[in-house]
N, C-alpha and C. Protein backbone atom coordinates (compact mmCIF):
# COMPACT_ATOMS: atom_id res chain seq x y z
N MET A 1 -15.13 20.53 29.44
CA MET A 1 -13.57 19.84 28.85
C MET A 1 -14.24 19.88 27.32
N HIS A 2 -13.65 20.01 26.28
CA HIS A 2 -14.36 19.45 25.51
C HIS A 2 -14.36 18.16 24.72
N ASN A 3 -15.79 17.36 24.33
CA ASN A 3 -14.88 15.62 23.27
C ASN A 3 -14.77 15.11 25.01
N ARG A 4 -15.29 15.15 26.49
CA ARG A 4 -15.41 14.34 27.74
C ARG A 4 -15.37 12.71 27.42
N ARG A 5 -16.76 12.78 26.73
CA ARG A 5 -17.11 11.34 26.48
C ARG A 5 -15.37 10.69 25.86
N GLY A 6 -15.39 11.79 24.40
CA GLY A 6 -14.97 10.99 23.54
C GLY A 6 -13.10 10.47 24.11
N TRP A 7 -12.76 11.80 25.17
CA TRP A 7 -11.64 11.64 26.38
C TRP A 7 -11.84 10.60 27.31
N ILE A 8 -13.27 10.45 27.34
CA ILE A 8 -12.36 8.95 28.40
C ILE A 8 -13.12 7.37 28.22
N LEU A 9 -13.43 7.49 26.71
CA LEU A 9 -13.93 6.40 25.40
C LEU A 9 -12.01 6.09 25.79
N VAL A 10 -11.91 7.18 25.04
CA VAL A 10 -10.18 6.78 24.29
C VAL A 10 -9.60 6.17 25.78
N ALA A 11 -9.32 6.90 26.91
CA ALA A 11 -8.42 6.66 27.52
C ALA A 11 -8.83 4.76 28.35
N LEU A 12 -9.92 5.18 27.92
CA LEU A 12 -10.16 3.92 29.16
C LEU A 12 -10.41 2.42 27.03
N SER A 13 -10.28 3.40 26.26
CA SER A 13 -10.23 2.11 24.77
C SER A 13 -7.88 2.01 25.30
N GLY A 14 -7.59 2.83 25.85
CA GLY A 14 -6.09 2.88 26.15
C GLY A 14 -5.16 1.34 27.36
N PHE A 15 -6.34 2.02 28.27
CA PHE A 15 -6.16 0.76 29.45
C PHE A 15 -6.85 -0.62 28.72
N VAL A 16 -8.03 -0.49 28.37
CA VAL A 16 -7.84 -2.35 28.29
C VAL A 16 -6.70 -3.01 27.08
N VAL A 17 -6.41 -2.48 25.90
CA VAL A 17 -4.51 -2.13 25.71
C VAL A 17 -3.78 -3.05 26.14
N VAL A 18 -3.42 -1.76 27.92
CA VAL A 18 -2.58 -2.53 27.88
C VAL A 18 -3.13 -3.84 29.12
N VAL A 19 -3.53 -4.03 29.44
CA VAL A 19 -4.00 -4.68 30.30
C VAL A 19 -4.22 -6.13 29.38
N ALA A 20 -4.86 -5.47 27.78
CA ALA A 20 -5.06 -7.26 26.61
C ALA A 20 -3.79 -7.73 26.44
N GLY A 21 -2.64 -6.46 26.06
CA GLY A 21 -1.16 -6.75 26.39
C GLY A 21 -0.62 -7.81 26.97
N ALA A 22 -0.69 -7.31 28.59
CA ALA A 22 -0.17 -8.28 29.31
C ALA A 22 -0.34 -8.77 30.42
N PHE A 23 -1.97 -9.67 29.31
CA PHE A 23 -2.40 -10.53 29.33
C PHE A 23 -1.90 -11.04 28.81
N GLY A 24 -2.11 -10.50 27.16
CA GLY A 24 -1.24 -11.90 26.31
C GLY A 24 0.34 -12.42 26.82
N THR A 25 0.95 -11.79 27.53
CA THR A 25 1.93 -11.97 26.85
C THR A 25 2.99 -12.31 28.37
N HIS A 26 1.38 -12.35 29.46
CA HIS A 26 1.36 -12.77 30.28
C HIS A 26 1.28 -14.03 30.95
N ALA A 27 0.30 -14.42 30.38
CA ALA A 27 -0.71 -15.34 30.81
C ALA A 27 -1.27 -16.84 29.74
N LEU A 28 -1.59 -16.01 28.39
CA LEU A 28 -1.93 -16.95 27.94
C LEU A 28 -0.24 -17.10 26.73
N ASP A 29 0.38 -16.53 27.03
CA ASP A 29 1.90 -17.49 25.89
C ASP A 29 2.55 -19.02 26.44
N GLY A 30 2.42 -20.44 26.01
CA GLY A 30 2.82 -21.01 26.18
C GLY A 30 0.46 -21.50 26.38
N ARG A 31 -0.33 -21.40 26.43
CA ARG A 31 -1.61 -22.01 26.57
C ARG A 31 -2.69 -21.88 25.60
N LEU A 32 -1.97 -21.53 24.59
CA LEU A 32 -3.69 -21.11 23.24
C LEU A 32 -1.85 -21.51 22.38
N ALA A 33 -2.62 -21.88 21.14
CA ALA A 33 -1.62 -21.92 20.17
C ALA A 33 -1.70 -21.14 19.32
N PRO A 34 0.07 -21.37 19.04
CA PRO A 34 0.38 -19.90 18.52
C PRO A 34 -0.49 -18.97 17.46
N ARG A 35 -1.56 -19.23 16.37
CA ARG A 35 -2.46 -18.93 15.63
C ARG A 35 -3.10 -18.07 16.76
N LEU A 36 -3.53 -18.88 17.55
CA LEU A 36 -4.68 -18.18 18.52
C LEU A 36 -3.69 -17.10 18.98
N LEU A 37 -3.03 -16.69 19.60
CA LEU A 37 -2.15 -15.49 20.33
C LEU A 37 -2.02 -14.90 18.88
N GLY A 38 -1.69 -15.54 17.96
CA GLY A 38 -1.12 -14.44 17.13
C GLY A 38 -2.60 -12.90 16.23
N ALA A 39 -3.72 -13.67 16.27
CA ALA A 39 -4.59 -12.96 16.24
C ALA A 39 -5.45 -12.58 18.08
N PHE A 40 -4.92 -13.28 19.06
CA PHE A 40 -4.66 -12.05 20.10
C PHE A 40 -4.47 -10.83 20.33
N GLU A 41 -3.02 -10.95 19.63
CA GLU A 41 -1.83 -9.56 19.35
C GLU A 41 -2.02 -9.23 18.61
N THR A 42 -2.73 -9.29 17.81
CA THR A 42 -3.34 -8.84 16.57
C THR A 42 -3.91 -7.87 16.73
N GLY A 43 -5.36 -8.18 17.55
CA GLY A 43 -6.05 -7.24 17.79
C GLY A 43 -6.07 -6.04 19.23
N VAL A 44 -4.54 -6.53 19.86
CA VAL A 44 -4.30 -6.20 21.01
C VAL A 44 -4.49 -4.54 19.35
N ARG A 45 -3.32 -5.06 19.18
CA ARG A 45 -1.56 -4.53 17.89
C ARG A 45 -2.98 -3.12 16.76
N TYR A 46 -4.61 -3.06 16.53
CA TYR A 46 -5.33 -3.07 16.22
C TYR A 46 -6.17 -1.53 17.24
N GLN A 47 -5.85 -2.36 18.24
CA GLN A 47 -6.85 -1.43 18.50
C GLN A 47 -6.00 -0.30 19.50
N ALA A 48 -4.63 -0.66 19.63
CA ALA A 48 -3.24 0.86 20.14
C ALA A 48 -3.84 1.65 18.43
N TRP A 49 -3.37 1.31 17.47
CA TRP A 49 -3.45 2.49 17.34
C TRP A 49 -4.85 3.16 16.62
N HIS A 50 -5.52 1.97 16.76
CA HIS A 50 -6.74 3.09 16.55
C HIS A 50 -6.90 4.14 17.58
N THR A 51 -7.13 3.62 18.87
CA THR A 51 -6.87 4.65 20.07
C THR A 51 -6.05 5.61 20.26
N LEU A 52 -4.93 5.13 19.45
CA LEU A 52 -3.73 6.28 19.32
C LEU A 52 -4.42 7.97 18.73
N ALA A 53 -4.22 7.03 17.01
CA ALA A 53 -5.07 7.85 15.76
C ALA A 53 -7.11 8.11 16.82
N ALA A 54 -7.81 7.53 17.72
CA ALA A 54 -8.79 8.13 17.82
C ALA A 54 -8.28 9.82 18.55
N MET A 55 -6.93 9.42 19.71
CA MET A 55 -6.93 10.21 20.40
C MET A 55 -6.00 12.01 19.90
N ALA A 56 -5.30 11.97 18.11
CA ALA A 56 -5.15 12.88 17.30
C ALA A 56 -6.04 13.54 16.92
N VAL A 57 -7.49 12.72 16.26
CA VAL A 57 -8.59 13.23 16.34
C VAL A 57 -9.15 13.64 17.37
N LEU A 58 -9.35 13.53 18.53
CA LEU A 58 -10.28 14.44 19.39
C LEU A 58 -8.99 15.57 19.59
N ILE A 59 -7.62 15.94 19.26
CA ILE A 59 -7.81 16.70 19.41
C ILE A 59 -6.80 17.83 18.03
N TRP A 60 -7.46 17.16 16.55
CA TRP A 60 -8.24 17.98 15.93
C TRP A 60 -9.51 18.97 16.21
N ARG A 61 -9.99 18.05 17.27
CA ARG A 61 -11.70 18.18 17.01
C ARG A 61 -11.74 19.64 17.74
N GLY A 62 -11.39 19.52 18.75
CA GLY A 62 -10.54 20.29 20.33
C GLY A 62 -9.64 21.94 18.78
N GLN A 63 -9.34 21.64 18.35
CA GLN A 63 -8.95 22.81 17.72
C GLN A 63 -9.53 23.19 17.09
N GLN A 64 -10.41 22.26 16.25
CA GLN A 64 -10.79 22.85 14.76
C GLN A 64 -12.09 22.26 14.37
N PRO A 65 -13.36 22.28 15.33
CA PRO A 65 -14.41 21.56 15.11
C PRO A 65 -14.47 20.59 13.26
N LEU A 66 -14.66 20.16 13.15
CA LEU A 66 -14.99 19.93 11.14
C LEU A 66 -16.11 18.86 10.97
N LYS A 67 -17.32 18.69 10.51
CA LYS A 67 -18.29 17.73 9.48
C LYS A 67 -17.47 16.88 9.16
N GLY A 68 -18.18 15.27 9.96
CA GLY A 68 -17.24 13.96 9.86
C GLY A 68 -16.82 13.63 10.63
N GLN A 69 -15.70 14.25 11.96
CA GLN A 69 -14.44 13.71 12.42
C GLN A 69 -14.99 13.29 13.43
N ARG A 70 -16.53 13.70 13.86
CA ARG A 70 -17.58 12.90 15.02
C ARG A 70 -17.71 11.19 14.29
N ALA A 71 -17.65 11.36 12.97
CA ALA A 71 -18.05 9.96 12.54
C ALA A 71 -17.52 8.93 12.57
N VAL A 72 -15.56 10.17 12.00
CA VAL A 72 -14.13 9.00 12.06
C VAL A 72 -13.86 8.55 13.39
N LEU A 73 -14.58 9.07 14.59
CA LEU A 73 -14.47 8.43 16.02
C LEU A 73 -15.32 7.41 16.37
N TRP A 74 -16.31 7.45 16.14
CA TRP A 74 -17.71 6.92 15.36
C TRP A 74 -17.00 5.05 15.20
N LEU A 75 -16.73 5.58 13.75
CA LEU A 75 -16.60 3.90 12.78
C LEU A 75 -15.72 3.29 13.59
N TRP A 76 -14.17 4.14 14.26
CA TRP A 76 -12.96 3.43 14.69
C TRP A 76 -13.36 3.25 16.01
N GLY A 77 -14.26 3.59 16.95
CA GLY A 77 -15.01 3.10 18.39
C GLY A 77 -16.05 1.74 18.14
N LEU A 78 -16.16 1.19 16.98
CA LEU A 78 -16.66 0.31 16.40
C LEU A 78 -16.57 -0.93 16.01
N GLY A 79 -15.32 -0.62 14.87
CA GLY A 79 -14.53 -0.31 14.32
C GLY A 79 -13.15 -1.74 15.02
N MET A 80 -12.81 -0.87 16.16
CA MET A 80 -12.11 -1.85 17.47
C MET A 80 -12.68 -2.63 18.31
N ILE A 81 -14.29 -2.96 18.59
CA ILE A 81 -14.97 -3.30 19.23
C ILE A 81 -14.90 -4.32 18.25
N ALA A 82 -15.95 -4.01 17.12
CA ALA A 82 -15.62 -5.76 15.98
C ALA A 82 -14.16 -6.77 16.40
N PHE A 83 -13.99 -6.23 15.19
CA PHE A 83 -12.49 -6.41 14.95
C PHE A 83 -11.68 -6.35 16.24
N SER A 84 -11.21 -6.06 16.96
CA SER A 84 -9.95 -6.00 18.35
C SER A 84 -11.02 -7.78 19.13
N GLY A 85 -12.20 -6.87 19.77
CA GLY A 85 -13.53 -8.24 19.95
C GLY A 85 -13.25 -9.29 19.97
N SER A 86 -13.73 -9.02 18.50
CA SER A 86 -13.64 -11.24 18.15
C SER A 86 -12.56 -11.49 17.84
N LEU A 87 -11.78 -10.54 17.98
CA LEU A 87 -10.18 -11.71 18.00
C LEU A 87 -9.79 -11.57 19.15
N TYR A 88 -10.23 -11.20 20.74
CA TYR A 88 -9.87 -11.22 21.59
C TYR A 88 -10.97 -13.49 21.93
N LEU A 89 -11.92 -12.65 21.69
CA LEU A 89 -13.14 -13.64 21.93
C LEU A 89 -12.72 -14.69 21.32
N LEU A 90 -12.14 -15.04 20.01
CA LEU A 90 -12.03 -16.05 19.28
C LEU A 90 -11.12 -16.39 19.32
N ALA A 91 -10.21 -16.21 19.71
CA ALA A 91 -8.77 -16.92 21.10
C ALA A 91 -8.57 -16.94 22.88
N LEU A 92 -9.18 -16.89 22.79
CA LEU A 92 -9.84 -16.80 24.37
C LEU A 92 -11.06 -17.74 24.71
N THR A 93 -11.37 -17.87 23.66
CA THR A 93 -12.98 -19.73 23.51
C THR A 93 -13.07 -19.87 22.20
N GLY A 94 -12.23 -19.31 21.24
CA GLY A 94 -12.10 -20.84 20.65
C GLY A 94 -14.15 -21.27 19.72
N ALA A 95 -14.44 -19.71 19.75
CA ALA A 95 -15.92 -19.46 19.27
C ALA A 95 -15.49 -18.93 17.72
N HIS A 96 -15.46 -20.18 16.87
CA HIS A 96 -15.63 -20.19 15.25
C HIS A 96 -16.60 -19.28 14.72
N TRP A 97 -17.59 -18.45 15.34
CA TRP A 97 -19.06 -18.49 14.64
C TRP A 97 -18.18 -16.73 14.47
N LEU A 98 -17.55 -16.38 15.16
CA LEU A 98 -16.96 -14.94 15.57
C LEU A 98 -16.24 -14.69 14.20
N GLY A 99 -15.80 -15.19 13.97
CA GLY A 99 -15.08 -15.52 12.63
C GLY A 99 -15.36 -14.35 10.82
N PRO A 100 -16.79 -14.28 10.48
CA PRO A 100 -17.57 -13.31 10.12
C PRO A 100 -17.60 -12.30 10.90
N ILE A 101 -17.29 -11.39 12.19
CA ILE A 101 -16.98 -10.71 12.70
C ILE A 101 -16.21 -9.32 12.19
N THR A 102 -14.94 -10.50 12.83
CA THR A 102 -14.08 -9.41 12.02
C THR A 102 -13.85 -8.80 11.37
N PRO A 103 -13.88 -9.77 9.93
CA PRO A 103 -13.70 -8.14 8.53
C PRO A 103 -14.72 -7.29 9.20
N PHE A 104 -15.88 -7.83 9.30
CA PHE A 104 -16.82 -5.99 8.99
C PHE A 104 -16.09 -4.61 10.38
N GLY A 105 -15.49 -6.06 11.42
CA GLY A 105 -14.49 -5.04 12.64
C GLY A 105 -13.64 -4.53 11.02
N GLY A 106 -13.62 -4.78 10.58
CA GLY A 106 -12.00 -4.16 10.32
C GLY A 106 -12.27 -3.78 9.02
N LEU A 107 -13.83 -3.57 7.77
CA LEU A 107 -14.68 -2.89 7.15
C LEU A 107 -14.62 -1.03 7.58
N LEU A 108 -15.28 -1.27 8.90
CA LEU A 108 -15.57 -0.28 9.53
C LEU A 108 -14.05 0.92 9.89
N LEU A 109 -13.15 -0.27 10.64
CA LEU A 109 -11.79 0.62 10.33
C LEU A 109 -11.81 1.50 9.26
N MET A 110 -11.54 0.33 8.50
CA MET A 110 -11.15 1.28 7.15
C MET A 110 -12.46 2.20 6.54
N ALA A 111 -13.19 2.66 6.80
CA ALA A 111 -14.19 3.31 6.03
C ALA A 111 -14.03 4.64 7.24
N GLY A 112 -13.61 4.17 8.60
CA GLY A 112 -13.07 5.27 9.64
C GLY A 112 -11.80 6.08 9.15
N TRP A 113 -10.87 5.86 8.76
CA TRP A 113 -9.85 5.78 7.75
C TRP A 113 -10.39 6.95 7.05
N LEU A 114 -11.37 6.84 5.68
CA LEU A 114 -11.41 7.20 4.45
C LEU A 114 -12.34 8.45 4.79
N THR A 115 -13.67 7.88 6.29
CA THR A 115 -14.09 9.69 6.41
C THR A 115 -13.05 10.53 6.50
N LEU A 116 -11.59 10.13 7.60
CA LEU A 116 -10.59 10.85 7.86
C LEU A 116 -10.27 11.51 6.58
N ALA A 117 -10.11 10.94 5.66
CA ALA A 117 -9.64 10.96 4.41
C ALA A 117 -10.57 12.47 3.80
N TRP A 118 -11.46 12.57 3.95
CA TRP A 118 -13.24 13.30 3.62
C TRP A 118 -13.13 14.37 4.78
N CYS A 119 -12.26 14.61 6.02
CA CYS A 119 -13.14 15.51 6.21
C CYS A 119 -11.90 16.20 6.18
N GLY A 120 -9.91 15.42 6.04
CA GLY A 120 -8.32 16.44 5.42
C GLY A 120 -9.08 16.87 4.06
N TRP A 121 -10.16 16.59 3.33
CA TRP A 121 -10.15 17.33 1.91
C TRP A 121 -11.53 18.66 1.89
N ARG A 122 -11.83 18.08 2.76
CA ARG A 122 -13.04 18.95 3.05
C ARG A 122 -12.72 20.24 3.80
N GLN A 123 -11.18 20.31 4.62
CA GLN A 123 -11.46 21.03 5.06
C GLN A 123 -10.76 22.44 4.89
N GLN A 124 -10.87 23.55 4.62
CA GLN A 124 -10.15 24.94 3.79
C GLN A 124 -8.69 25.21 4.75
N PRO A 125 -8.36 26.04 3.24
CA PRO A 125 -7.18 25.69 4.31
C PRO A 125 -6.96 27.20 4.38
N ALA A 126 -6.27 27.64 5.73
CA ALA A 126 -5.98 29.30 6.62
C ALA A 126 -5.80 29.40 5.61
N ASP A 127 -4.77 29.86 4.25
CA ASP A 127 -4.30 30.61 3.40
C ASP A 127 -5.20 31.68 3.32
């Protein structure tokens, strides 16, 4: 299977999205301040969207490997860990020192999108 590790990591990220979403809805609702629950839900939402986007890049990469696609996946993967992970931990522990990690994760996610745009720009037309 081409991109085997990528598919395994995307599947695990999807699993974490479902677990975190269910945990947030069933275990944290009413136990966290609304602001912290909102932060947790934002982490779940961003991880879900980037997991789906990574699946699309893996499909694209399987059909047409291009320079930069792997960088997109790395940027999004690290961005999800930093952005969503810091929000999960902030909500669950209240450790405010995690605050500066969240925007760094957001920058990694944005860099992934810009790298994706670069991949599309550099792609040669089939005509």
